[in-house]
N, C-alpha and C. Protein backbone atom coordinates (compact mmCIF):
# COMPACT_ATOMS: atom_id res chain seq x y z
N MET A 1 96.91 123.97 111.89
CA MET A 1 97.12 122.65 111.32
C MET A 1 98.57 122.62 111.60
N ASN A 2 99.19 121.17 112.18
CA ASN A 2 100.31 120.90 112.49
C ASN A 2 101.31 121.19 111.41
N ARG A 3 102.10 122.13 111.47
CA ARG A 3 103.37 122.33 110.58
C ARG A 3 103.87 121.04 109.25
N PHE A 4 104.06 119.99 110.30
CA PHE A 4 104.58 118.98 109.11
C PHE A 4 103.19 118.44 108.23
N VAL A 5 102.34 118.65 108.76
CA VAL A 5 100.99 118.17 108.00
C VAL A 5 100.57 119.15 106.95
N LEU A 6 101.44 120.30 107.32
CA LEU A 6 100.62 121.35 106.17
C LEU A 6 102.00 121.27 105.19
N LYS A 7 103.25 121.19 105.24
CA LYS A 7 104.44 121.00 104.11
C LYS A 7 104.33 119.49 103.55
N ALA A 8 103.82 118.74 104.18
CA ALA A 8 103.38 117.41 103.39
C ALA A 8 101.99 117.56 102.56
N ALA A 9 101.01 118.43 102.84
CA ALA A 9 100.11 119.01 101.97
C ALA A 9 100.06 119.53 100.84
N VAL A 10 101.20 120.62 100.61
CA VAL A 10 101.69 120.92 99.82
C VAL A 10 102.53 120.79 99.08
N ALA A 11 103.34 119.44 99.48
CA ALA A 11 104.47 118.82 98.55
C ALA A 11 104.19 119.11 96.94
N ALA A 12 105.57 118.97 96.60
CA ALA A 12 104.85 119.34 94.82
C ALA A 12 104.65 118.02 94.18
N VAL A 13 105.40 116.86 94.63
CA VAL A 13 105.35 115.99 93.64
C VAL A 13 104.28 115.11 93.92
N THR A 14 103.33 114.85 92.61
CA THR A 14 102.46 114.06 92.82
C THR A 14 102.09 113.53 91.43
N VAL A 15 101.49 112.14 91.55
CA VAL A 15 100.81 111.92 89.82
C VAL A 15 99.89 111.56 90.04
N VAL A 16 99.04 111.62 88.85
CA VAL A 16 97.74 111.28 88.78
C VAL A 16 97.31 110.35 87.73
N LEU A 17 96.86 109.42 88.23
CA LEU A 17 96.42 108.05 87.99
C LEU A 17 94.91 107.82 88.01
N THR A 18 94.06 107.46 86.96
CA THR A 18 92.96 107.17 86.82
C THR A 18 92.03 108.27 87.67
N GLY A 19 92.62 109.50 87.53
CA GLY A 19 91.72 110.30 87.96
C GLY A 19 91.72 110.37 89.25
N THR A 20 92.88 109.68 90.20
CA THR A 20 92.96 109.87 91.80
C THR A 20 94.44 110.68 91.95
N VAL A 21 94.60 111.40 92.56
CA VAL A 21 95.99 111.81 92.80
C VAL A 21 96.69 110.97 93.85
N TYR A 22 97.44 110.18 93.56
CA TYR A 22 98.59 109.45 94.52
C TYR A 22 100.08 110.13 94.69
N ALA A 23 100.00 110.21 95.88
CA ALA A 23 101.36 111.02 96.35
C ALA A 23 102.35 109.87 97.18
N TRP A 24 103.21 109.81 96.15
CA TRP A 24 104.20 108.62 97.07
C TRP A 24 105.64 109.09 97.15
N ASN A 25 106.19 109.92 97.03
CA ASN A 25 107.08 110.15 98.28
C ASN A 25 108.02 111.23 97.81
N GLU A 26 107.14 112.59 98.25
CA GLU A 26 107.48 113.99 97.97
C GLU A 26 108.39 114.28 98.98
N ALA A 27 109.17 115.37 98.37
CA ALA A 27 110.50 115.59 99.71
C ALA A 27 109.66 116.73 100.14
N GLY A 28 110.84 117.06 101.47
CA GLY A 28 110.42 117.62 102.58
C GLY A 28 109.42 117.36 103.67
N GLY A 29 109.16 118.09 104.41
CA GLY A 29 107.79 117.71 105.74
C GLY A 29 108.68 116.85 106.57
N GLU A 30 108.05 115.99 107.61
CA GLU A 30 108.40 115.43 108.62
C GLU A 30 108.96 114.25 108.36
N LYS A 31 108.65 113.63 107.36
CA LYS A 31 109.33 112.28 106.87
C LYS A 31 111.02 112.84 106.72
N ASP A 32 111.16 114.04 105.91
CA ASP A 32 112.37 114.04 105.77
C ASP A 32 113.29 114.45 106.82
N GLU A 33 112.47 115.17 107.94
CA GLU A 33 113.04 115.66 108.76
C GLU A 33 113.88 114.41 109.76
N ALA A 34 112.64 113.67 109.93
CA ALA A 34 112.95 112.17 110.85
C ALA A 34 114.07 111.46 110.05
N LEU A 35 114.31 111.18 109.23
CA LEU A 35 114.99 110.53 108.37
C LEU A 35 116.36 111.00 108.63
N HIS A 36 116.71 112.19 108.67
CA HIS A 36 117.93 112.78 108.81
C HIS A 36 118.33 112.89 110.35
N LEU A 37 117.47 112.23 111.58
CA LEU A 37 117.52 112.07 113.14
C LEU A 37 118.39 110.68 113.68
N VAL A 38 118.95 110.95 114.43
CA VAL A 38 119.54 109.43 114.79
C VAL A 38 118.59 109.37 116.04
N GLY A 39 118.17 108.01 115.64
CA GLY A 39 116.90 107.30 116.46
C GLY A 39 117.59 106.72 117.87
N ASN A 40 116.93 106.88 118.83
CA ASN A 40 117.43 106.27 120.33
C ASN A 40 116.35 105.20 120.67
N ALA A 41 117.18 104.20 120.65
CA ALA A 41 115.97 103.01 120.83
C ALA A 41 115.56 103.20 122.19
N ASP A 42 116.26 103.01 123.23
CA ASP A 42 115.54 103.31 124.67
C ASP A 42 114.42 104.29 124.71
N ASN A 43 114.48 105.00 124.01
CA ASN A 43 113.52 106.12 124.14
C ASN A 43 112.20 105.05 123.00
N GLY A 44 112.77 104.88 122.09
CA GLY A 44 111.61 104.09 121.41
C GLY A 44 110.83 103.20 122.21
N ARG A 45 111.73 102.33 122.89
CA ARG A 45 110.54 101.50 123.39
C ARG A 45 109.39 101.97 124.03
N ASP A 46 109.57 103.39 124.74
CA ASP A 46 108.44 104.33 125.49
C ASP A 46 107.54 104.24 124.28
N VAL A 47 107.80 104.70 122.96
CA VAL A 47 106.98 105.02 122.38
C VAL A 47 106.15 104.05 121.63
N TYR A 48 106.99 102.63 121.38
CA TYR A 48 106.42 101.67 120.92
C TYR A 48 105.59 101.15 121.94
N GLU A 49 105.29 101.45 123.32
CA GLU A 49 104.51 100.87 124.21
C GLU A 49 103.15 101.22 123.68
N VAL A 50 102.90 102.32 123.08
CA VAL A 50 101.36 102.75 122.52
C VAL A 50 101.20 101.79 121.35
N CYS A 51 102.08 101.31 120.44
CA CYS A 51 101.81 100.81 119.28
C CYS A 51 101.45 99.11 119.46
N SER A 52 102.41 98.91 120.70
CA SER A 52 102.29 97.43 120.60
C SER A 52 100.85 96.76 121.37
N ALA A 53 100.02 97.68 121.71
CA ALA A 53 98.65 96.92 121.71
C ALA A 53 97.97 96.82 120.58
N CYS A 54 98.26 97.03 119.14
CA CYS A 54 97.81 96.38 117.98
C CYS A 54 98.84 95.57 117.60
N HIS A 55 100.03 95.86 117.31
CA HIS A 55 101.08 95.36 116.66
C HIS A 55 102.02 94.24 117.37
N LEU A 56 101.36 94.08 118.92
CA LEU A 56 101.84 93.20 119.56
C LEU A 56 103.23 93.33 120.01
N PRO A 57 103.57 93.19 121.30
CA PRO A 57 104.81 93.37 122.04
C PRO A 57 106.10 93.26 121.59
N GLU A 58 105.78 92.26 120.52
CA GLU A 58 106.91 91.43 119.74
C GLU A 58 107.21 92.32 118.37
N GLY A 59 106.14 93.05 118.27
CA GLY A 59 106.29 93.70 116.78
C GLY A 59 105.45 92.64 115.61
N TRP A 60 105.13 91.55 116.10
CA TRP A 60 104.74 90.56 114.90
C TRP A 60 103.40 90.70 114.04
N GLY A 61 102.31 91.83 114.64
CA GLY A 61 100.91 91.98 113.93
C GLY A 61 100.49 90.62 114.30
N LEU A 62 99.39 90.36 112.83
CA LEU A 62 98.39 89.30 113.45
C LEU A 62 98.05 88.81 111.96
N PRO A 63 97.75 87.50 112.16
CA PRO A 63 98.31 86.80 110.81
C PRO A 63 96.49 86.76 109.80
N ASP A 64 95.40 87.31 110.82
CA ASP A 64 94.36 87.82 110.03
C ASP A 64 94.43 89.07 109.21
N GLY A 65 96.03 89.38 109.34
CA GLY A 65 95.92 90.63 108.57
C GLY A 65 95.49 92.33 108.83
N THR A 66 95.09 91.90 110.13
CA THR A 66 94.84 93.25 110.61
C THR A 66 95.41 94.05 110.96
N PHE A 67 96.98 93.82 111.32
CA PHE A 67 98.27 94.55 111.61
C PHE A 67 99.04 93.89 111.39
N PRO A 68 100.06 94.60 110.47
CA PRO A 68 101.22 94.06 110.11
C PRO A 68 102.22 93.79 111.06
N GLN A 69 103.30 92.85 110.53
CA GLN A 69 104.43 92.88 111.11
C GLN A 69 105.49 93.97 110.89
N LEU A 70 105.64 94.65 112.02
CA LEU A 70 106.56 95.53 111.86
C LEU A 70 108.11 95.42 112.19
N ALA A 71 108.69 94.18 112.74
CA ALA A 71 109.48 93.74 113.50
C ALA A 71 110.57 93.58 112.37
N GLY A 72 111.67 94.01 112.50
CA GLY A 72 112.64 93.70 111.34
C GLY A 72 112.64 94.76 109.83
N GLN A 73 111.23 95.54 109.93
CA GLN A 73 111.05 96.55 108.99
C GLN A 73 112.07 97.28 108.74
N HIS A 74 112.47 97.78 107.29
CA HIS A 74 113.33 98.92 106.81
C HIS A 74 112.91 100.22 107.77
N HIS A 75 113.90 100.50 108.22
CA HIS A 75 113.71 102.21 108.76
C HIS A 75 113.11 103.10 107.93
N ASN A 76 113.45 103.42 106.69
CA ASN A 76 112.91 104.33 105.87
C ASN A 76 111.40 104.01 105.83
N VAL A 77 111.48 102.50 105.39
CA VAL A 77 109.89 102.39 104.85
C VAL A 77 108.95 103.06 106.15
N ILE A 78 109.25 102.43 107.37
CA ILE A 78 108.29 102.66 108.48
C ILE A 78 108.37 104.12 108.72
N ILE A 79 109.35 105.14 108.84
CA ILE A 79 109.07 106.21 108.68
C ILE A 79 108.20 107.11 107.62
N LYS A 80 108.53 106.66 106.42
CA LYS A 80 107.52 107.34 105.54
C LYS A 80 106.45 107.20 105.99
N GLN A 81 106.21 105.32 106.15
CA GLN A 81 104.56 105.10 106.58
C GLN A 81 103.42 106.09 107.47
N LEU A 82 104.55 106.32 108.59
CA LEU A 82 104.23 106.96 109.61
C LEU A 82 103.72 108.51 109.46
N ALA A 83 104.89 109.07 108.82
CA ALA A 83 104.67 110.48 108.25
C ALA A 83 103.52 110.61 107.14
N ASP A 84 103.03 109.45 106.51
CA ASP A 84 101.98 109.49 105.33
C ASP A 84 100.92 109.75 106.18
N ILE A 85 100.69 108.69 107.47
CA ILE A 85 99.59 108.37 107.99
C ILE A 85 99.20 110.08 108.81
N ARG A 86 100.25 110.32 109.30
CA ARG A 86 99.99 111.53 110.07
C ARG A 86 99.35 112.63 109.06
N ALA A 87 100.32 112.77 108.09
CA ALA A 87 99.77 113.89 107.10
C ALA A 87 98.79 113.57 106.25
N LEU A 88 97.82 112.77 106.22
CA LEU A 88 96.79 112.12 105.79
C LEU A 88 97.05 111.48 104.21
N ASN A 89 98.34 111.22 104.08
CA ASN A 89 98.54 110.90 103.03
C ASN A 89 98.18 109.12 102.57
N ARG A 90 97.93 108.76 103.75
CA ARG A 90 97.71 107.37 103.38
C ARG A 90 96.55 106.96 104.66
N ASP A 91 95.19 106.91 104.53
CA ASP A 91 94.39 106.48 104.90
C ASP A 91 94.23 105.53 105.92
N ASN A 92 94.26 105.77 107.02
CA ASN A 92 94.57 104.78 107.88
C ASN A 92 93.68 105.04 109.34
N PRO A 93 92.16 105.03 109.30
CA PRO A 93 91.56 105.85 110.57
C PRO A 93 91.87 104.96 112.02
N THR A 94 92.18 103.27 111.95
CA THR A 94 92.76 103.19 113.30
C THR A 94 93.76 103.36 113.87
N MET A 95 94.57 103.77 112.89
CA MET A 95 95.88 103.83 113.11
C MET A 95 96.04 105.20 113.68
N TYR A 96 95.59 106.29 112.90
CA TYR A 96 95.67 107.67 113.02
C TYR A 96 95.76 108.30 114.25
N PRO A 97 94.62 108.10 115.26
CA PRO A 97 94.91 108.44 116.46
C PRO A 97 96.34 108.29 117.14
N PHE A 98 96.29 107.24 117.02
CA PHE A 98 97.86 106.92 118.09
C PHE A 98 98.65 107.14 117.24
N ALA A 99 98.84 107.66 116.13
CA ALA A 99 100.16 108.08 115.48
C ALA A 99 100.62 109.48 115.58
N LEU A 100 99.51 110.24 115.78
CA LEU A 100 99.42 111.64 115.83
C LEU A 100 101.10 112.10 116.93
N PRO A 101 101.19 113.40 116.54
CA PRO A 101 102.00 113.74 117.38
C PRO A 101 102.08 114.09 119.10
N SER A 102 100.60 114.49 119.23
CA SER A 102 100.04 114.54 120.53
C SER A 102 100.13 113.29 121.10
N GLN A 103 100.33 112.00 120.90
CA GLN A 103 100.48 110.93 121.38
C GLN A 103 101.79 109.86 121.59
N ILE A 104 102.74 110.11 120.32
CA ILE A 104 103.57 109.93 120.60
C ILE A 104 104.99 110.76 120.28
N GLY A 105 104.76 111.84 120.05
CA GLY A 105 105.87 112.96 119.84
C GLY A 105 106.05 113.09 118.67
N GLY A 106 106.96 114.12 118.26
CA GLY A 106 107.23 114.45 116.93
C GLY A 106 108.05 113.45 116.25
N PRO A 107 109.15 114.24 115.07
CA PRO A 107 109.79 113.76 114.11
C PRO A 107 111.19 112.74 115.14
N GLN A 108 111.39 113.68 116.14
CA GLN A 108 112.42 112.64 116.95
C GLN A 108 111.98 111.18 117.32
N ALA A 109 110.35 111.39 117.43
CA ALA A 109 109.69 109.92 118.12
C ALA A 109 109.81 108.78 116.72
N LEU A 110 109.63 109.20 115.72
CA LEU A 110 109.46 108.54 114.53
C LEU A 110 111.00 107.84 114.64
N ALA A 111 111.70 108.51 114.44
CA ALA A 111 113.03 108.00 114.61
C ALA A 111 113.62 107.28 115.46
N ASP A 112 113.05 107.57 116.90
CA ASP A 112 113.34 106.35 117.82
C ASP A 112 112.45 105.38 117.89
N VAL A 113 111.38 105.33 117.37
CA VAL A 113 110.79 104.10 117.26
C VAL A 113 111.30 103.14 116.49
N VAL A 114 111.53 103.72 115.04
CA VAL A 114 111.73 102.62 114.29
C VAL A 114 113.30 102.04 114.62
N ALA A 115 114.12 102.84 115.37
CA ALA A 115 115.69 102.34 115.61
C ALA A 115 115.01 101.21 116.63
N TYR A 116 113.84 101.26 117.42
CA TYR A 116 113.60 100.12 118.46
C TYR A 116 112.93 99.14 117.92
N THR A 117 111.96 99.20 116.74
CA THR A 117 111.73 98.08 116.06
C THR A 117 112.50 97.40 115.19
N ALA A 118 113.56 97.91 114.57
CA ALA A 118 114.50 97.41 113.93
C ALA A 118 115.54 96.29 115.08
N LYS A 119 115.41 96.36 115.88
CA LYS A 119 116.01 95.49 117.02
C LYS A 119 114.93 94.09 117.23
N LEU A 120 113.94 93.99 116.81
CA LEU A 120 113.03 93.22 117.10
C LEU A 120 113.32 92.04 116.29
N PRO A 121 113.43 90.83 116.58
CA PRO A 121 113.34 89.73 115.67
C PRO A 121 112.05 89.49 114.96
N MET A 122 111.83 88.56 113.72
CA MET A 122 110.86 88.65 113.03
C MET A 122 110.28 87.70 113.23
N THR A 123 108.58 87.18 113.20
CA THR A 123 108.08 85.76 113.93
C THR A 123 108.81 84.90 112.92
N PRO A 124 108.71 83.86 113.34
CA PRO A 124 109.53 82.52 112.38
C PRO A 124 108.11 81.80 111.73
N ALA A 125 106.85 82.45 112.08
CA ALA A 125 105.22 81.91 111.96
C ALA A 125 104.57 82.36 111.25
N ASN A 126 105.23 83.38 110.20
CA ASN A 126 103.68 84.36 109.73
C ASN A 126 102.88 83.37 108.86
N GLY A 127 101.65 84.36 108.85
CA GLY A 127 100.54 83.83 108.19
C GLY A 127 100.96 83.56 106.47
N VAL A 128 100.31 82.50 106.36
CA VAL A 128 100.67 82.18 104.81
C VAL A 128 99.26 81.82 103.85
N GLY A 129 99.16 81.81 102.67
CA GLY A 129 98.03 81.75 102.03
C GLY A 129 97.78 80.19 101.98
N PRO A 130 97.02 79.77 100.80
CA PRO A 130 96.40 78.38 100.88
C PRO A 130 97.26 77.89 100.33
N GLY A 131 98.44 78.34 99.48
CA GLY A 131 99.25 77.18 98.90
C GLY A 131 99.25 76.43 97.56
N ASP A 132 97.88 76.82 97.06
CA ASP A 132 97.66 75.63 95.70
C ASP A 132 97.89 76.49 94.60
N ASP A 133 98.46 77.28 94.22
CA ASP A 133 99.15 78.09 93.16
C ASP A 133 100.15 78.76 93.09
N LEU A 134 101.39 77.74 93.89
CA LEU A 134 102.52 78.88 94.21
C LEU A 134 103.43 78.94 92.95
N LYS A 135 103.20 77.82 92.16
CA LYS A 135 104.27 78.15 90.83
C LYS A 135 103.56 79.37 90.09
N HIS A 136 102.20 79.87 89.79
CA HIS A 136 101.81 80.63 89.39
C HIS A 136 101.99 82.04 89.61
N GLY A 137 101.91 81.66 91.48
CA GLY A 137 102.43 82.87 92.08
C GLY A 137 104.24 83.34 91.99
N GLU A 138 105.04 82.14 92.03
CA GLU A 138 106.34 82.33 91.94
C GLU A 138 106.51 83.43 90.43
N GLN A 139 105.81 82.65 89.83
CA GLN A 139 106.38 83.06 88.03
C GLN A 139 105.93 84.51 88.07
N LEU A 140 104.90 84.97 88.37
CA LEU A 140 104.19 86.23 89.04
C LEU A 140 105.52 87.37 89.53
N TYR A 141 106.22 86.78 90.85
CA TYR A 141 106.65 87.54 91.50
C TYR A 141 108.16 87.75 90.72
N LYS A 142 108.42 86.89 89.81
CA LYS A 142 109.74 86.75 89.10
C LYS A 142 109.57 88.03 87.89
N ASP A 143 108.09 88.03 87.18
CA ASP A 143 107.86 89.10 86.36
C ASP A 143 107.77 90.17 86.85
N ASN A 144 107.42 90.55 88.01
CA ASN A 144 106.81 91.73 88.46
C ASN A 144 107.28 92.46 90.10
N CYS A 145 107.83 91.73 90.67
CA CYS A 145 108.13 92.28 92.01
C CYS A 145 109.38 92.09 92.41
N VAL A 146 110.48 91.25 91.68
CA VAL A 146 111.96 91.40 92.05
C VAL A 146 112.36 92.36 91.67
N ARG A 147 112.01 93.24 91.07
CA ARG A 147 112.65 94.68 90.57
C ARG A 147 112.83 95.24 91.87
N CYS A 148 111.60 95.72 92.43
CA CYS A 148 112.03 96.59 93.45
C CYS A 148 111.88 95.84 94.96
N HIS A 149 111.43 94.57 94.88
CA HIS A 149 111.23 93.95 96.14
C HIS A 149 112.48 92.78 96.61
N GLY A 150 113.18 92.56 95.29
CA GLY A 150 114.27 91.93 95.71
C GLY A 150 113.71 90.35 95.30
N GLU A 151 114.88 89.56 94.90
CA GLU A 151 114.60 87.76 94.92
C GLU A 151 114.27 87.44 95.96
N ASN A 152 114.58 88.06 97.15
CA ASN A 152 113.92 87.39 98.46
C ASN A 152 113.46 87.91 99.37
N GLY A 153 112.71 89.07 98.59
CA GLY A 153 111.44 89.47 98.91
C GLY A 153 112.58 90.77 100.36
N GLU A 154 113.48 90.86 100.37
CA GLU A 154 114.17 91.80 101.31
C GLU A 154 113.83 93.35 101.15
N GLY A 155 113.45 93.73 99.95
CA GLY A 155 112.83 95.12 99.69
C GLY A 155 114.02 96.01 99.47
N ASN A 156 114.19 97.42 99.81
CA ASN A 156 115.27 98.34 99.72
C ASN A 156 115.13 99.62 100.39
N ASN A 157 115.94 99.78 101.42
CA ASN A 157 115.77 100.88 102.60
C ASN A 157 115.88 102.15 102.13
N GLU A 158 116.93 102.19 100.62
CA GLU A 158 117.21 103.50 100.27
C GLU A 158 116.16 103.97 99.46
N LYS A 159 115.50 103.14 98.86
CA LYS A 159 114.37 103.68 97.82
C LYS A 159 112.93 103.28 98.40
N PHE A 160 112.84 102.99 99.72
CA PHE A 160 111.68 102.99 100.36
C PHE A 160 110.75 101.82 100.05
N TYR A 161 111.55 100.68 99.80
CA TYR A 161 110.41 99.54 99.35
C TYR A 161 110.43 98.53 100.22
N PRO A 162 109.54 98.10 100.84
CA PRO A 162 109.30 97.20 102.16
C PRO A 162 109.63 96.07 101.50
N ARG A 163 110.37 95.13 103.07
CA ARG A 163 110.38 94.03 102.69
C ARG A 163 109.27 93.35 103.01
N ILE A 164 108.68 92.35 102.12
CA ILE A 164 107.75 91.52 102.29
C ILE A 164 107.91 90.27 102.51
N HIS A 165 109.44 89.91 102.64
CA HIS A 165 109.14 88.32 103.29
C HIS A 165 109.00 88.48 104.52
N GLY A 166 108.46 87.18 104.96
CA GLY A 166 107.88 87.36 106.55
C GLY A 166 106.70 88.06 106.85
N GLN A 167 106.02 88.91 105.90
CA GLN A 167 104.97 89.42 106.30
C GLN A 167 103.63 88.69 106.03
N HIS A 168 102.56 88.76 106.68
CA HIS A 168 101.45 87.87 107.07
C HIS A 168 100.73 87.70 105.26
N PHE A 169 100.30 86.84 104.96
CA PHE A 169 99.67 86.85 103.58
C PHE A 169 98.38 87.38 103.72
N ASN A 170 97.44 87.52 104.72
CA ASN A 170 96.38 88.73 104.44
C ASN A 170 96.80 89.64 104.55
N TYR A 171 97.87 90.36 105.19
CA TYR A 171 97.79 91.81 105.20
C TYR A 171 98.94 92.04 104.00
N ILE A 172 99.37 91.53 103.17
CA ILE A 172 99.48 91.49 101.78
C ILE A 172 98.46 91.62 100.61
N VAL A 173 97.77 90.79 100.74
CA VAL A 173 96.40 90.78 99.77
C VAL A 173 95.75 92.22 100.08
N ARG A 174 95.38 92.40 101.59
CA ARG A 174 94.50 93.51 101.84
C ARG A 174 95.11 94.73 100.95
N GLN A 175 96.83 94.98 101.16
CA GLN A 175 97.15 96.20 100.66
C GLN A 175 97.05 96.19 99.56
N PHE A 176 97.35 94.89 98.80
CA PHE A 176 97.36 94.55 97.24
C PHE A 176 96.20 95.37 96.38
N ARG A 177 94.88 94.56 97.43
CA ARG A 177 93.48 95.07 96.94
C ARG A 177 93.47 96.77 97.07
N GLU A 178 94.05 97.27 98.13
CA GLU A 178 93.82 98.73 98.38
C GLU A 178 94.43 99.47 97.19
N ILE A 179 95.71 99.06 97.05
CA ILE A 179 96.23 100.00 95.94
C ILE A 179 95.53 99.56 94.69
N LYS A 180 95.33 98.45 94.24
CA LYS A 180 94.36 98.53 92.91
C LYS A 180 93.23 98.80 92.72
N SER A 181 92.60 99.22 93.83
CA SER A 181 91.22 100.14 94.19
C SER A 181 91.27 101.67 94.07
N GLY A 182 92.68 101.72 94.45
CA GLY A 182 92.90 103.12 94.96
C GLY A 182 92.77 103.94 96.44
N ALA A 183 92.30 103.16 97.20
CA ALA A 183 92.09 103.18 98.39
C ALA A 183 93.39 103.35 99.14
N ARG A 184 94.51 102.93 98.54
CA ARG A 184 95.78 103.46 99.41
C ARG A 184 96.71 104.64 98.31
N LYS A 185 96.22 105.33 99.10
CA LYS A 185 96.76 106.59 98.21
C LYS A 185 97.89 106.87 97.95
N ASN A 186 98.89 106.45 98.72
CA ASN A 186 100.25 107.03 98.86
C ASN A 186 101.10 105.76 98.26
N ALA A 187 100.75 104.91 97.35
CA ALA A 187 101.42 103.80 96.62
C ALA A 187 101.92 104.29 95.77
N ASN A 188 103.06 103.62 95.45
CA ASN A 188 104.18 103.79 94.47
C ASN A 188 103.37 103.82 93.06
N PRO A 189 103.66 104.85 92.45
CA PRO A 189 102.57 104.92 90.94
C PRO A 189 102.95 103.53 90.13
N ASP A 190 104.12 102.98 90.33
CA ASP A 190 104.55 101.97 89.48
C ASP A 190 103.74 100.97 89.51
N MET A 191 103.58 100.47 91.26
CA MET A 191 102.85 99.54 91.25
C MET A 191 101.26 99.09 91.01
N VAL A 192 101.08 100.79 91.18
CA VAL A 192 99.53 101.02 91.00
C VAL A 192 99.12 100.49 89.55
N LYS A 193 100.10 100.86 88.16
CA LYS A 193 100.08 100.59 87.24
C LYS A 193 99.94 99.13 86.73
N GLN A 194 101.04 98.65 87.55
CA GLN A 194 101.36 96.87 87.48
C GLN A 194 99.99 96.15 88.00
N VAL A 195 99.62 96.54 89.16
CA VAL A 195 98.50 95.42 89.92
C VAL A 195 97.21 95.68 88.62
N LYS A 196 97.28 97.11 88.25
CA LYS A 196 96.06 97.09 87.48
C LYS A 196 95.18 95.76 86.52
N GLU A 197 96.73 95.19 86.24
CA GLU A 197 96.36 94.23 85.21
C GLU A 197 96.36 92.72 86.05
N PHE A 198 96.54 92.40 87.01
CA PHE A 198 96.40 91.23 87.91
C PHE A 198 95.01 91.24 88.35
N SER A 199 94.62 89.59 88.02
CA SER A 199 92.98 89.20 88.46
C SER A 199 93.16 88.54 89.57
N ASP A 200 92.14 88.75 90.43
CA ASP A 200 92.04 88.20 91.73
C ASP A 200 92.90 87.06 92.02
N LYS A 201 92.73 85.99 91.08
CA LYS A 201 93.36 84.88 90.94
C LYS A 201 95.19 84.85 91.30
N ASP A 202 95.56 86.05 90.01
CA ASP A 202 96.75 86.55 90.16
C ASP A 202 97.46 87.05 91.35
N LEU A 203 96.50 87.75 92.00
CA LEU A 203 96.72 88.59 93.25
C LEU A 203 97.14 87.42 94.26
N ILE A 204 95.86 86.61 94.97
CA ILE A 204 96.13 85.73 95.69
C ILE A 204 97.38 84.92 95.45
N ALA A 205 97.86 84.33 94.19
CA ALA A 205 99.11 83.31 93.68
C ALA A 205 100.06 84.23 94.46
N VAL A 206 100.55 85.38 94.31
CA VAL A 206 101.81 86.13 94.51
C VAL A 206 101.87 86.55 95.44
N CYS A 207 100.56 86.65 96.30
CA CYS A 207 101.10 87.40 97.76
C CYS A 207 101.22 86.03 98.54
N ASP A 208 99.91 84.79 98.29
CA ASP A 208 100.99 83.62 98.54
C ASP A 208 102.52 83.35 98.55
N TYR A 209 102.70 83.50 97.46
CA TYR A 209 104.11 82.88 97.30
C TYR A 209 104.83 83.97 98.38
N SER A 210 104.85 84.95 98.28
CA SER A 210 105.69 86.16 98.87
C SER A 210 105.36 85.99 100.36
N SER A 211 104.40 85.45 100.76
CA SER A 211 104.52 85.10 102.40
C SER A 211 105.03 84.05 102.47
N ARG A 212 105.58 82.84 101.82
CA ARG A 212 106.48 81.97 102.12
C ARG A 212 107.54 82.23 101.83
N ILE A 213 108.24 83.25 101.40
CA ILE A 213 109.38 83.69 101.24
C ILE A 213 110.46 83.97 102.79
N LYS A 214 111.27 83.00 102.86
CA LYS A 214 111.58 83.48 104.52
C LYS A 214 113.11 84.12 104.39
N PRO A 215 112.87 85.09 105.90
CA PRO A 215 113.66 86.26 105.92
C PRO A 215 114.82 85.11 106.58
N PRO A 216 116.40 85.98 105.85
CA PRO A 216 117.50 85.02 106.77
C PRO A 216 117.15 84.84 108.14
N ALA A 217 117.99 83.58 108.53
CA ALA A 217 117.48 83.18 109.96
C ALA A 217 117.76 83.74 110.83
N GLU A 218 118.87 84.70 110.88
CA GLU A 218 119.38 85.50 111.88
C GLU A 218 118.47 86.77 112.28
N MET A 219 117.34 87.19 110.94
CA MET A 219 116.57 87.99 111.64
C MET A 219 115.38 87.36 112.45
N LEU A 220 115.06 86.48 112.41
CA LEU A 220 113.91 85.40 112.86
C LEU A 220 113.77 85.18 114.38
N ALA A 221 113.44 85.15 115.25
CA ALA A 221 113.10 84.87 116.70
C ALA A 221 113.64 83.11 116.54
N LYS A 222 113.92 82.72 117.58
CA LYS A 222 114.45 81.38 117.84
C LYS A 222 113.34 80.51 117.81
N SER A 223 111.95 80.96 118.36
CA SER A 223 110.62 80.24 118.59
C SER A 223 109.64 80.90 118.18
N ALA A 224 108.47 80.70 117.70
CA ALA A 224 107.21 81.59 117.68
C ALA A 224 106.62 81.41 118.86
N ASP A 225 106.83 80.99 119.94
CA ASP A 225 106.82 81.40 121.45
C ASP A 225 107.63 82.44 121.89
N TRP A 226 108.57 83.13 121.48
CA TRP A 226 109.44 84.04 121.71
C TRP A 226 108.43 85.48 122.38
N LYS A 227 108.75 85.92 123.57
CA LYS A 227 107.92 87.08 124.18
C LYS A 227 108.98 88.05 124.29
N ASN A 228 108.65 89.52 124.28
CA ASN A 228 109.39 90.47 124.19
C ASN A 228 109.77 90.78 125.27
N PRO A 229 111.08 90.70 126.31
CA PRO A 229 111.11 90.79 127.46
C PRO A 229 110.90 92.27 127.82
N ASP A 230 111.09 93.39 126.88
CA ASP A 230 110.86 94.66 127.48
C ASP A 230 109.18 94.95 127.85
N PHE A 231 108.35 93.79 127.75
CA PHE A 231 107.31 94.15 127.89
C PHE A 231 106.42 92.90 128.64
N GLN A 232 107.35 92.29 129.52
CA GLN A 232 106.96 90.91 130.44
C GLN A 232 106.65 91.83 132.08
């Protein structure tokens, strides 16, 4: 077994909710090693070539929610999710084979690819929801999401809370449902408890509202037709 996988597997901090073990943000392992490395964006471009087949050369993912937008996402968030997938702490059978050290490299590769994706502008035309219950979604967001994800969906790098502004509606819905069902094992336990109280109507409304929060203009590509020159 890879030593980083082993470290993550035996890490001490877990929380038990509804009979399922949810590992949120354990200390040690590959994640911590990668977080303390300086990323090289030039090397990260080569690593990202593996990722671009699914997340697109622009890092924008797909509006159908199959793949999330990675462009502009917080450094710590992406490193944590990659390390969790590699340690089998987050189930992602589609991504797992491509995220392995044998495919993209060790902790330095994680730091490098995150340095690269941080440079990519976000799509100005992410997928949004139906738009028919936005007032309800806004109130749910204010009451439940602001504390972690921020008033404008900006998240928090230091606390590993992802940006959700500009993220595809269908992807947010899918993650919400997987967190609620327990399928996403590495979810923040505070969020696990919170979403248990949401009806499906609530879930759709708050995800719809979240998907419509626009990132700052300087983080967006100038056009939805922008192409990543590194892969042309």
